[in-house]
Amino acid sequence: FFLMASRALLRSRSLTTSARPAVNLIARNFSVVRPVSLATHKNTVPVYTSSFYGSKRFMSEVTFTINDFGGAETVQSGELSKWHFKEGDYVEVDDELCSIETEKIAVQPTSEHDGVIKKLLKSEGDTVNKGDELWVIDTEGKPKEEPKESASDKSEQKSESKQESKPQEKKEQKKESKSSKKDSAPPKKATSAPGSETRVKMTRMRQRIAERLKESQNTAAMLTTFQECDMHALMNMRSQYKDLFLKEHGVKLGFMSCFVKAASNALLKERAVNAFIDGDEIVYKDFVDINVAVATPTGLVTPVLRDCDRMSFADVEKEIGLLAEKARSGKITIPDLEAGTFTISNGGVYGSMMGTPIINPPQSAILGMHGITKRPVVVNDQVVIRPMMYLALTYDHRLLDGKTAVTFLKTIKENVEDPRRLLLDL
């Protein structure tokens, strides 16, 4: 009887212990090694994963792990530039907790849980690699409640403010009279320290931009050709239809849409400009994806307009506005920047009169727009004043002959000078 009872007791213990998961007590987050069922253990949650990050959770604590930098497979690390929250702060779902600057874009990892930040695992300036843990959130944490003021405290504050208001008004009047005298004097000139210098570490994006520009110069046989473009007809069309265009499409009519359409038309005619060299082969693209250069606080980025040959003027303006806003706000992603076939850079918005842009590898050409200035030109044997713009096309002479490049740029010039040619596909 005693032997049978012992066997029954051991069998019951084995059943109860098998229903519990084995817990690794050595691990920092007490991660579950062999979880059984969520129904029997409500406080034990399996590991969460996503394309952007992963998190480990035990009880109420969630550890954030970054597994991706905005969809870029080639980007393996970045630099943590800034924390937007500190330990003890309450965060909500989709709050951007920090900014990580990579060689291509700035990434802002977001929280997938509501809770209080228990610990920040990285400091500003640290290198962040794929798979690194960044923070720990307590999902049971609640936001701090501000202490409520009693009625007696409010009445005391009002009485004190009334008593202090009169002497403060007199002091402010005296300060204003003194400041008015000071303001009338000329401001002091900024002084410099002779022989001083300031060293600042280059950002990862600036380092990558420098590498790609030098790589382009060392690889391509770059040559630049120029044209003068009369903007008279395009500016008249814009001034005549800009209000109606804004009312109909909800976006302003700019010059960039016409240049994008003119370049798309020219790229379909001169296919070599829409190609690139890959080893000992030439790859011709059967689509037109144009990169548009956008300046951001962290550097120059070139988001891509997809299938420009199928877009209208309004589609181009809307897409440029969306991509520019994403770039300046740091929301741009790697897919927004990749696989363009041609690039347009507009230095004219900063007052550039003329320049030679550098090719965006592996592309074979880039168009540079410049500032519009009124100059005397000959039209129908008469000297008239016209708004003129210099256009520059830098191309890879390994792939493009001079005839092809000059013909391509001349096609863009003619389509911009007479936008009706775009409607007629000339």
Foldseek 3Di string as FASTA:
>chain_A
DVVVVVVVVVVVVVVVVVQQFDWDPVDPQRATDDHDDCVVPVQHDHWADDPAWTWTDGRQKIWIFGADAQPDPVWFKWFFADAPDDAFAWDAFQDFGTWTDAQAFIGGDTDHATFGWHDAPDDGGDMGGHGDIGTMGGRPHDHDDDDDDDPVVVVVVVVVCVVVVVVVVVVVVVVVVVVVVVVVDDDDDDDDDPPDDDDDDAHSNRVSVVVQLVVLVVPFPKDKDKDKFFQFVVVVVQVVCQVVCCVVLVFGQDLVLLLLLLLQLLCVVLQLQLWFDDPPDIGGDPAAKEWEWEAEPNGIATFIDGRSNPDDSSRVRVVVVVQNVCRHVRNDGPVRRDDHREYEYEPQVVQAQDDEDGDRPRGFKYKYKHHWDWDWDADPNDTDTTTMIMMMMMGGCVRDPPVSRVVSVVSSSVCSNPVVCSVVSD
